[in-house]
Amino acid sequence: MAKQYEIFGQNVFVRELKKEKVVNGFVMPETLETDFTYGEVVYCSLGYYDHGIYITAPVVPGDKVLFPKISGTKVTLNDEKLIRVYMSDIICKEFEV
């Protein structure tokens, strides 16, 4: 039986995805593959407090995000290999227009 987790602070757990060379008509440069990780948010907190101010999380489970390869820690939750990163390390998220 799979466990459920409540995530606190700025923690985001991401499943690494392989990025296609062409996304929405844009060709992805080689440096993107070597310097950044592309993945899907699996678990994240609803928000966090920063100097007494509550900040709502900018991502939710299911969002596709990009973050530097050097940030993050590999962990295993529910027999799945994930990467834990801070919300502040996420560079951008993908969305449809």
C-alpha atoms as a PDB file:
ATOM      1  CA  MET A   1       0.000   0.000   0.000  1.00  0.00           C
ATOM      2  CA  ALA A   2       1.421   3.385  -1.022  1.00  0.00           C
ATOM      3  CA  LYS A   3       1.940   6.025   1.626  1.00  0.00           C
ATOM      4  CA  GLN A   4       0.794   9.600   1.303  1.00  0.00           C
ATOM      5  CA  TYR A   5       3.028  12.491   2.288  1.00  0.00           C
ATOM      6  CA  GLU A   6       2.358  16.022   3.492  1.00  0.00           C
ATOM      7  CA  ILE A   7       5.222  18.233   2.347  1.00  0.00           C
ATOM      8  CA  PHE A   8       6.383  21.256   4.357  1.00  0.00           C
ATOM      9  CA  GLY A   9       8.410  24.372   3.578  1.00  0.00           C
ATOM     10  CA  GLN A  10       9.811  24.996   0.101  1.00  0.00           C
ATOM     11  CA  ASN A  11      10.281  21.302  -0.701  1.00  0.00           C
ATOM     12  CA  VAL A  12       9.209  20.003  -4.108  1.00  0.00           C
ATOM     13  CA  PHE A  13       9.591  16.384  -5.230  1.00  0.00           C
ATOM     14  CA  VAL A  14      10.070  15.957  -8.985  1.00  0.00           C
ATOM     15  CA  ARG A  15      10.083  12.929 -11.294  1.00  0.00           C
ATOM     16  CA  GLU A  16      12.788  13.423 -13.926  1.00  0.00           C
ATOM     17  CA  LEU A  17      11.526  13.375 -17.519  1.00  0.00           C
ATOM     18  CA  LYS A  18      13.481  13.204 -20.732  1.00  0.00           C
ATOM     19  CA  LYS A  19      13.027  16.384 -22.762  1.00  0.00           C
ATOM     20  CA  GLU A  20      12.422  16.124 -26.492  1.00  0.00           C
ATOM     21  CA  LYS A  21      14.709  18.046 -28.822  1.00  0.00           C
ATOM     22  CA  VAL A  22      11.758  20.088 -30.163  1.00  0.00           C
ATOM     23  CA  VAL A  23       9.084  21.382 -27.785  1.00  0.00           C
ATOM     24  CA  ASN A  24       6.160  23.456 -29.064  1.00  0.00           C
ATOM     25  CA  GLY A  25       8.172  24.321 -32.162  1.00  0.00           C
ATOM     26  CA  PHE A  26      11.286  25.416 -30.236  1.00  0.00           C
ATOM     27  CA  VAL A  27      14.555  23.519 -30.592  1.00  0.00           C
ATOM     28  CA  MET A  28      16.065  22.788 -27.187  1.00  0.00           C
ATOM     29  CA  PRO A  29      19.797  23.711 -27.019  1.00  0.00           C
ATOM     30  CA  GLU A  30      22.429  21.153 -25.944  1.00  0.00           C
ATOM     31  CA  THR A  31      23.310  23.203 -22.843  1.00  0.00           C
ATOM     32  CA  LEU A  32      19.761  22.689 -21.570  1.00  0.00           C
ATOM     33  CA  GLU A  33      20.354  18.932 -21.409  1.00  0.00           C
ATOM     34  CA  THR A  34      23.713  19.218 -19.635  1.00  0.00           C
ATOM     35  CA  ASP A  35      23.001  22.052 -17.201  1.00  0.00           C
ATOM     36  CA  PHE A  36      19.317  21.609 -16.326  1.00  0.00           C
ATOM     37  CA  THR A  37      16.857  18.893 -15.335  1.00  0.00           C
ATOM     38  CA  TYR A  38      13.318  18.724 -16.726  1.00  0.00           C
ATOM     39  CA  GLY A  39      10.679  16.973 -14.648  1.00  0.00           C
ATOM     40  CA  GLU A  40       7.137  16.664 -13.376  1.00  0.00           C
ATOM     41  CA  VAL A  41       6.131  17.762  -9.876  1.00  0.00           C
ATOM     42  CA  VAL A  42       4.871  14.768  -7.876  1.00  0.00           C
ATOM     43  CA  TYR A  43       4.625  16.215  -4.346  1.00  0.00           C
ATOM     44  CA  CYS A  44       4.921  19.786  -3.059  1.00  0.00           C
ATOM     45  CA  SER A  45       3.776  21.914  -0.154  1.00  0.00           C
ATOM     46  CA  LEU A  46       0.857  24.322  -0.460  1.00  0.00           C
ATOM     47  CA  GLY A  47       3.092  27.233   0.519  1.00  0.00           C
ATOM     48  CA  TYR A  48       5.518  28.456   3.146  1.00  0.00           C
ATOM     49  CA  TYR A  49       6.251  31.355   5.493  1.00  0.00           C
ATOM     50  CA  ASP A  50       9.047  33.768   4.688  1.00  0.00           C
ATOM     51  CA  HIS A  51       9.715  36.417   7.376  1.00  0.00           C
ATOM     52  CA  GLY A  52       6.141  36.117   8.631  1.00  0.00           C
ATOM     53  CA  ILE A  53       4.535  36.404   5.189  1.00  0.00           C
ATOM     54  CA  TYR A  54       2.731  33.364   3.757  1.00  0.00           C
ATOM     55  CA  ILE A  55       3.740  32.646   0.150  1.00  0.00           C
ATOM     56  CA  THR A  56       1.553  30.317  -1.908  1.00  0.00           C
ATOM     57  CA  ALA A  57       3.408  27.628  -3.836  1.00  0.00           C
ATOM     58  CA  PRO A  58       3.962  28.559  -7.508  1.00  0.00           C
ATOM     59  CA  VAL A  59       3.748  24.907  -8.599  1.00  0.00           C
ATOM     60  CA  VAL A  60       1.307  22.041  -8.041  1.00  0.00           C
ATOM     61  CA  PRO A  61       1.574  18.308  -8.695  1.00  0.00           C
ATOM     62  CA  GLY A  62       1.472  17.646 -12.437  1.00  0.00           C
ATOM     63  CA  ASP A  63       3.376  20.813 -13.437  1.00  0.00           C
ATOM     64  CA  LYS A  64       6.395  20.361 -15.729  1.00  0.00           C
ATOM     65  CA  VAL A  65       9.379  22.321 -14.375  1.00  0.00           C
ATOM     66  CA  LEU A  66      13.007  23.111 -15.184  1.00  0.00           C
ATOM     67  CA  PHE A  67      15.753  23.436 -12.549  1.00  0.00           C
ATOM     68  CA  PRO A  68      19.585  23.326 -12.419  1.00  0.00           C
ATOM     69  CA  LYS A  69      21.149  19.859 -12.269  1.00  0.00           C
ATOM     70  CA  ILE A  70      23.364  20.868  -9.343  1.00  0.00           C
ATOM     71  CA  SER A  71      20.354  21.614  -7.129  1.00  0.00           C
ATOM     72  CA  GLY A  72      18.384  18.752  -5.704  1.00  0.00           C
ATOM     73  CA  THR A  73      18.826  15.545  -3.753  1.00  0.00           C
ATOM     74  CA  LYS A  74      17.839  12.109  -5.059  1.00  0.00           C
ATOM     75  CA  VAL A  75      15.353  10.322  -2.786  1.00  0.00           C
ATOM     76  CA  THR A  76      13.029   7.308  -2.984  1.00  0.00           C
ATOM     77  CA  LEU A  77       9.366   7.653  -1.974  1.00  0.00           C
ATOM     78  CA  ASN A  78       6.831   4.865  -2.595  1.00  0.00           C
ATOM     79  CA  ASP A  79       9.505   2.902  -4.516  1.00  0.00           C
ATOM     80  CA  GLU A  80       9.862   5.772  -6.997  1.00  0.00           C
ATOM     81  CA  LYS A  81      13.108   7.672  -7.561  1.00  0.00           C
ATOM     82  CA  LEU A  82      12.470  11.402  -7.196  1.00  0.00           C
ATOM     83  CA  ILE A  83      14.538  14.567  -6.885  1.00  0.00           C
ATOM     84  CA  ARG A  84      13.919  16.952  -3.977  1.00  0.00           C
ATOM     85  CA  VAL A  85      14.465  20.605  -4.856  1.00  0.00           C
ATOM     86  CA  TYR A  86      13.514  23.901  -3.238  1.00  0.00           C
ATOM     87  CA  MET A  87      10.805  26.026  -4.856  1.00  0.00           C
ATOM     88  CA  SER A  88      13.335  28.838  -5.172  1.00  0.00           C
ATOM     89  CA  ASP A  89      15.557  26.581  -7.339  1.00  0.00           C
ATOM     90  CA  ILE A  90      12.847  26.072  -9.976  1.00  0.00           C
ATOM     91  CA  ILE A  91      13.586  28.296 -12.965  1.00  0.00           C
ATOM     92  CA  CYS A  92      10.300  27.956 -14.870  1.00  0.00           C
ATOM     93  CA  LYS A  93       7.241  25.804 -15.398  1.00  0.00           C
ATOM     94  CA  GLU A  94       5.690  24.771 -18.676  1.00  0.00           C
ATOM     95  CA  PHE A  95       2.125  25.718 -19.618  1.00  0.00           C
ATOM     96  CA  GLU A  96      -0.137  25.737 -22.685  1.00  0.00           C
ATOM     97  CA  VAL A  97      -1.163  29.000 -24.354  1.00  0.00           C
END
